[in-house]
C-alpha atoms as a PDB file:
ATOM      1  CA  MET A   1       5.496 -17.037   3.656  1.00  0.00           C
ATOM      2  CA  LEU A   2       7.218 -13.741   2.920  1.00  0.00           C
ATOM      3  CA  ILE A   3       7.407 -12.798  -0.974  1.00  0.00           C
ATOM      4  CA  LYS A   4      10.310 -10.252  -1.043  1.00  0.00           C
ATOM      5  CA  VAL A   5       9.727  -6.679  -3.262  1.00  0.00           C
ATOM      6  CA  ASP A   6      11.051  -3.719  -4.698  1.00  0.00           C
ATOM      7  CA  VAL A   7       9.785  -0.333  -4.579  1.00  0.00           C
ATOM      8  CA  PHE A   8       9.230  -0.460  -8.667  1.00  0.00           C
ATOM      9  CA  GLY A   9       8.468   3.293  -8.369  1.00  0.00           C
ATOM     10  CA  LEU A  10       6.054   5.529  -7.540  1.00  0.00           C
ATOM     11  CA  THR A  11       2.623   7.015 -10.140  1.00  0.00           C
ATOM     12  CA  MET A  12      -0.953   8.167  -9.730  1.00  0.00           C
ATOM     13  CA  ASP A  13      -4.376   7.176  -9.832  1.00  0.00           C
ATOM     14  CA  PRO A  14      -6.091   8.941 -12.473  1.00  0.00           C
ATOM     15  CA  VAL A  15      -9.409   8.593 -11.017  1.00  0.00           C
ATOM     16  CA  SER A  16      -8.075  10.254  -7.249  1.00  0.00           C
ATOM     17  CA  ASN A  17      -5.195  11.811  -8.080  1.00  0.00           C
ATOM     18  CA  SER A  18      -3.994   9.775  -4.764  1.00  0.00           C
ATOM     19  CA  PRO A  19      -0.039   8.070  -5.280  1.00  0.00           C
ATOM     20  CA  ILE A  20       0.169   5.100  -5.215  1.00  0.00           C
ATOM     21  CA  VAL A  21       3.754   3.010  -4.522  1.00  0.00           C
ATOM     22  CA  ILE A  22       3.933  -0.328  -6.612  1.00  0.00           C
ATOM     23  CA  LEU A  23       6.071  -2.724  -4.971  1.00  0.00           C
ATOM     24  CA  LYS A  24       7.117  -5.941  -7.294  1.00  0.00           C
ATOM     25  CA  THR A  25       8.176  -9.061  -7.096  1.00  0.00           C
ATOM     26  CA  LEU A  26      12.013  -9.985  -7.460  1.00  0.00           C
ATOM     27  CA  GLU A  27      11.041 -13.116  -8.696  1.00  0.00           C
ATOM     28  CA  GLY A  28       7.976 -13.629 -11.397  1.00  0.00           C
ATOM     29  CA  ASP A  29       5.863 -10.612 -11.913  1.00  0.00           C
ATOM     30  CA  GLU A  30       3.246  -9.872  -9.521  1.00  0.00           C
ATOM     31  CA  ALA A  31       3.010  -6.296  -8.126  1.00  0.00           C
ATOM     32  CA  LEU A  32       1.092  -4.407  -5.425  1.00  0.00           C
ATOM     33  CA  PRO A  33      -0.138  -1.817  -5.824  1.00  0.00           C
ATOM     34  CA  ILE A  34      -1.077   0.544  -2.268  1.00  0.00           C
ATOM     35  CA  TRP A  35      -2.509   4.142  -1.696  1.00  0.00           C
ATOM     36  CA  ILE A  36      -0.611   6.422  -0.549  1.00  0.00           C
ATOM     37  CA  GLY A  37      -1.000   9.813   0.766  1.00  0.00           C
ATOM     38  CA  VAL A  38       0.973  12.776  -0.820  1.00  0.00           C
ATOM     39  CA  LEU A  39       3.465  13.446   2.410  1.00  0.00           C
ATOM     40  CA  GLU A  40       4.833   9.678   2.376  1.00  0.00           C
ATOM     41  CA  ALA A  41       5.098   9.582  -1.200  1.00  0.00           C
ATOM     42  CA  THR A  42       7.292  12.884  -0.962  1.00  0.00           C
ATOM     43  CA  ALA A  43       9.481  10.850   2.039  1.00  0.00           C
ATOM     44  CA  ILE A  44       9.506   7.323  -0.957  1.00  0.00           C
ATOM     45  CA  ALA A  45      10.586   9.579  -4.083  1.00  0.00           C
ATOM     46  CA  SER A  46      13.250  12.013  -1.573  1.00  0.00           C
ATOM     47  CA  VAL A  47      15.072   8.698  -1.251  1.00  0.00           C
ATOM     48  CA  LEU A  48      14.257   6.999  -4.556  1.00  0.00           C
ATOM     49  CA  GLU A  49      15.676   9.699  -6.005  1.00  0.00           C
ATOM     50  CA  GLY A  50      18.854  10.762  -3.854  1.00  0.00           C
ATOM     51  CA  VAL A  51      16.922  13.965  -2.980  1.00  0.00           C
ATOM     52  CA  SER A  52      18.646  14.650   0.948  1.00  0.00           C
ATOM     53  CA  PHE A  53      17.294  18.183   2.786  1.00  0.00           C
ATOM     54  CA  SER A  54      18.935  20.329   5.356  1.00  0.00           C
ATOM     55  CA  ARG A  55      16.466  19.056   8.016  1.00  0.00           C
ATOM     56  CA  PRO A  56      15.699  15.524   8.570  1.00  0.00           C
ATOM     57  CA  MET A  57      12.426  14.615   7.529  1.00  0.00           C
ATOM     58  CA  THR A  58       9.865  12.393  10.036  1.00  0.00           C
ATOM     59  CA  HIS A  59      11.343   9.008   8.613  1.00  0.00           C
ATOM     60  CA  ASP A  60      15.189  10.641   8.594  1.00  0.00           C
ATOM     61  CA  LEU A  61      14.247  11.107  12.120  1.00  0.00           C
ATOM     62  CA  LEU A  62      12.833   8.192  12.841  1.00  0.00           C
ATOM     63  CA  LYS A  63      16.579   6.484  11.234  1.00  0.00           C
ATOM     64  CA  HIS A  64      18.522   8.121  13.615  1.00  0.00           C
ATOM     65  CA  THR A  65      16.367   7.614  16.575  1.00  0.00           C
ATOM     66  CA  ILE A  66      16.512   3.716  16.211  1.00  0.00           C
ATOM     67  CA  GLU A  67      20.401   3.804  15.250  1.00  0.00           C
ATOM     68  CA  MET A  68      21.011   5.837  18.321  1.00  0.00           C
ATOM     69  CA  LEU A  69      19.225   3.129  20.343  1.00  0.00           C
ATOM     70  CA  GLY A  70      21.514   0.567  19.561  1.00  0.00           C
ATOM     71  CA  ALA A  71      19.111  -0.779  17.106  1.00  0.00           C
ATOM     72  CA  ARG A  72      18.090  -1.950  13.091  1.00  0.00           C
ATOM     73  CA  VAL A  73      15.441  -2.543  11.265  1.00  0.00           C
ATOM     74  CA  GLU A  74      15.846  -5.573  10.326  1.00  0.00           C
ATOM     75  CA  LYS A  75      13.006  -5.933   7.914  1.00  0.00           C
ATOM     76  CA  VAL A  76       9.758  -4.640   6.697  1.00  0.00           C
ATOM     77  CA  VAL A  77       6.271  -6.964   6.452  1.00  0.00           C
ATOM     78  CA  VAL A  78       3.154  -5.838   4.120  1.00  0.00           C
ATOM     79  CA  CYS A  79       1.178  -8.067   6.410  1.00  0.00           C
ATOM     80  CA  ASP A  80      -2.475  -8.303   5.719  1.00  0.00           C
ATOM     81  CA  LEU A  81      -5.469  -5.834   3.923  1.00  0.00           C
ATOM     82  CA  ARG A  82      -8.565  -5.428   5.682  1.00  0.00           C
ATOM     83  CA  GLU A  83     -11.691  -3.518   4.475  1.00  0.00           C
ATOM     84  CA  ASN A  84      -9.409  -2.208   1.633  1.00  0.00           C
ATOM     85  CA  THR A  85      -7.069  -0.713   3.848  1.00  0.00           C
ATOM     86  CA  TYR A  86      -3.052  -2.269   3.917  1.00  0.00           C
ATOM     87  CA  TYR A  87      -1.064  -3.372   7.149  1.00  0.00           C
ATOM     88  CA  ALA A  88       2.360  -3.852   7.451  1.00  0.00           C
ATOM     89  CA  ILE A  89       5.313  -4.481  11.098  1.00  0.00           C
ATOM     90  CA  ILE A  90       8.284  -2.719  10.724  1.00  0.00           C
ATOM     91  CA  TYR A  91      10.787  -5.709  12.356  1.00  0.00           C
ATOM     92  CA  LEU A  92      13.549  -3.833  15.396  1.00  0.00           C
ATOM     93  CA  LYS A  93      16.035  -5.846  16.145  1.00  0.00           C
ATOM     94  CA  ASP A  94      18.581  -4.747  19.323  1.00  0.00           C
ATOM     95  CA  ASP A  95      21.425  -7.211  20.814  1.00  0.00           C
ATOM     96  CA  GLU A  96      18.125  -8.747  23.159  1.00  0.00           C
ATOM     97  CA  LYS A  97      15.370  -8.607  21.277  1.00  0.00           C
ATOM     98  CA  THR A  98      13.477  -8.789  18.301  1.00  0.00           C
ATOM     99  CA  TYR A  99      10.528  -5.313  18.348  1.00  0.00           C
ATOM    100  CA  GLU A 100       6.826  -6.232  15.817  1.00  0.00           C
ATOM    101  CA  ILE A 101       5.605  -1.859  15.360  1.00  0.00           C
ATOM    102  CA  ASP A 102       2.576  -1.827  13.338  1.00  0.00           C
ATOM    103  CA  ALA A 103       2.766   0.790  10.456  1.00  0.00           C
ATOM    104  CA  ARG A 104       0.752   1.549   7.895  1.00  0.00           C
ATOM    105  CA  PRO A 105       2.851   0.849   4.690  1.00  0.00           C
ATOM    106  CA  SER A 106       4.395   3.840   3.579  1.00  0.00           C
ATOM    107  CA  ASP A 107       5.689   4.641   6.449  1.00  0.00           C
ATOM    108  CA  ALA A 108       7.332   1.497   7.007  1.00  0.00           C
ATOM    109  CA  ILE A 109       8.744   1.304   2.814  1.00  0.00           C
ATOM    110  CA  ALA A 110      10.035   4.851   3.662  1.00  0.00           C
ATOM    111  CA  LEU A 111      11.997   3.843   6.771  1.00  0.00           C
ATOM    112  CA  ALA A 112      13.216   0.647   5.238  1.00  0.00           C
ATOM    113  CA  LEU A 113      14.354   2.548   2.086  1.00  0.00           C
ATOM    114  CA  ARG A 114      16.507   4.290   4.180  1.00  0.00           C
ATOM    115  CA  VAL A 115      18.376   1.991   5.881  1.00  0.00           C
ATOM    116  CA  ASP A 116      18.339  -0.380   3.634  1.00  0.00           C
ATOM    117  CA  ALA A 117      16.444  -2.945   4.577  1.00  0.00           C
ATOM    118  CA  PRO A 118      14.250  -5.828   2.931  1.00  0.00           C
ATOM    119  CA  ILE A 119      10.537  -4.976   2.415  1.00  0.00           C
ATOM    120  CA  PHE A 120       8.211  -8.174   2.109  1.00  0.00           C
ATOM    121  CA  VAL A 121       4.852  -9.429   1.405  1.00  0.00           C
ATOM    122  CA  ASP A 122       2.579 -12.149   2.765  1.00  0.00           C
ATOM    123  CA  GLU A 123       1.816 -14.346  -0.035  1.00  0.00           C
ATOM    124  CA  LYS A 124      -2.326 -13.693   1.757  1.00  0.00           C
ATOM    125  CA  VAL A 125      -2.042 -10.060   0.431  1.00  0.00           C
ATOM    126  CA  PHE A 126      -2.014 -10.814  -3.133  1.00  0.00           C
ATOM    127  CA  GLU A 127      -4.461 -13.644  -3.137  1.00  0.00           C
ATOM    128  CA  LYS A 128      -6.193 -10.632  -1.097  1.00  0.00           C
ATOM    129  CA  THR A 129      -5.879  -8.065  -3.293  1.00  0.00           C
ATOM    130  CA  LYS A 130      -6.439 -10.646  -6.021  1.00  0.00           C
ATOM    131  CA  GLU A 131      -9.744 -11.483  -4.420  1.00  0.00           C
ATOM    132  CA  ALA A 132     -10.337  -7.220  -3.688  1.00  0.00           C
ATOM    133  CA  VAL A 133      -9.605  -6.486  -7.399  1.00  0.00           C
ATOM    134  CA  GLN A 134     -12.212  -9.167  -8.696  1.00  0.00           C
ATOM    135  CA  GLN A 135     -14.958  -8.294  -6.189  1.00  0.00           C
ATOM    136  CA  GLU A 136     -14.059  -4.566  -7.723  1.00  0.00           C
ATOM    137  CA  LYS A 137     -14.381  -6.252 -10.562  1.00  0.00           C
ATOM    138  CA  GLU A 138     -17.759  -8.099  -9.897  1.00  0.00           C
ATOM    139  CA  LYS A 139     -19.158  -5.239  -8.422  1.00  0.00           C
ATOM    140  CA  GLY A 140     -18.316  -2.409 -11.373  1.00  0.00           C
ATOM    141  CA  GLU A 141     -20.444  -5.385 -13.865  1.00  0.00           C
ATOM    142  CA  GLU A 142     -23.811  -5.599 -11.615  1.00  0.00           C
ATOM    143  CA  GLU A 143     -23.842  -1.565 -11.357  1.00  0.00           C
ATOM    144  CA  LYS A 144     -23.665  -1.862 -15.170  1.00  0.00           C
ATOM    145  CA  LYS A 145     -26.230  -3.829 -15.270  1.00  0.00           C
ATOM    146  CA  TRP A 146     -28.491  -1.440 -13.111  1.00  0.00           C
ATOM    147  CA  GLU A 147     -27.387   1.404 -15.545  1.00  0.00           C
ATOM    148  CA  GLU A 148     -29.255  -0.381 -18.679  1.00  0.00           C
ATOM    149  CA  ILE A 149     -31.779  -1.315 -16.726  1.00  0.00           C
ATOM    150  CA  LEU A 150     -32.883   2.295 -15.386  1.00  0.00           C
ATOM    151  CA  GLU A 151     -31.519   3.872 -19.196  1.00  0.00           C
ATOM    152  CA  LYS A 152     -33.958   1.461 -20.388  1.00  0.00           C
ATOM    153  CA  LEU A 153     -37.142   2.505 -17.957  1.00  0.00           C
ATOM    154  CA  SER A 154     -39.900   5.221 -19.021  1.00  0.00           C
ATOM    155  CA  PRO A 155     -42.327   6.950 -16.839  1.00  0.00           C
ATOM    156  CA  GLU A 156     -44.669   4.828 -18.132  1.00  0.00           C
ATOM    157  CA  ASP A 157     -42.886   1.880 -16.344  1.00  0.00           C
ATOM    158  CA  PHE A 158     -43.249   3.914 -12.486  1.00  0.00           C
ATOM    159  CA  THR A 159     -46.696   4.352 -13.061  1.00  0.00           C
ATOM    160  CA  LYS A 160     -46.958   0.265 -12.723  1.00  0.00           C
ATOM    161  CA  TYR A 161     -47.270  -0.425  -9.467  1.00  0.00           C
ATOM    162  CA  LYS A 162     -49.221   1.183  -6.947  1.00  0.00           C
ATOM    163  CA  MET A 163     -48.180   1.662  -3.158  1.00  0.00           C
END
């Protein structure tokens, strides 16, 4: 099932200093953070802030090309999470056919904002994100256990075992 979301905002990851776009469900309070590049964050922020440039940016160029071909962006969908990478599809429609175009979520979101197309997230992406967060938490707890064990070791402990 697809869940409609809005771009809640942009923030910075204090650890990696990477931009994060936050998608939030319209109903309920689920949020999906997606780490993105600086250029993509600029493309999204410029729309959110109403900033225009004297020359078209890449996403503006794509918007104009789609319009000139007589098509429109029907919707964008963040459709999967695999190995910590999010995937998206841009759905284009013309008079005859609907096209599915593989895209990075950041590019799909930047385009959707420019053409006022709805943004959706497949519910399985929320589930996979929760699982990934839980795995990272467990991994962190496991690493802490090993840190504690190693901190308690003395030099004499290393001579107990012969190789």
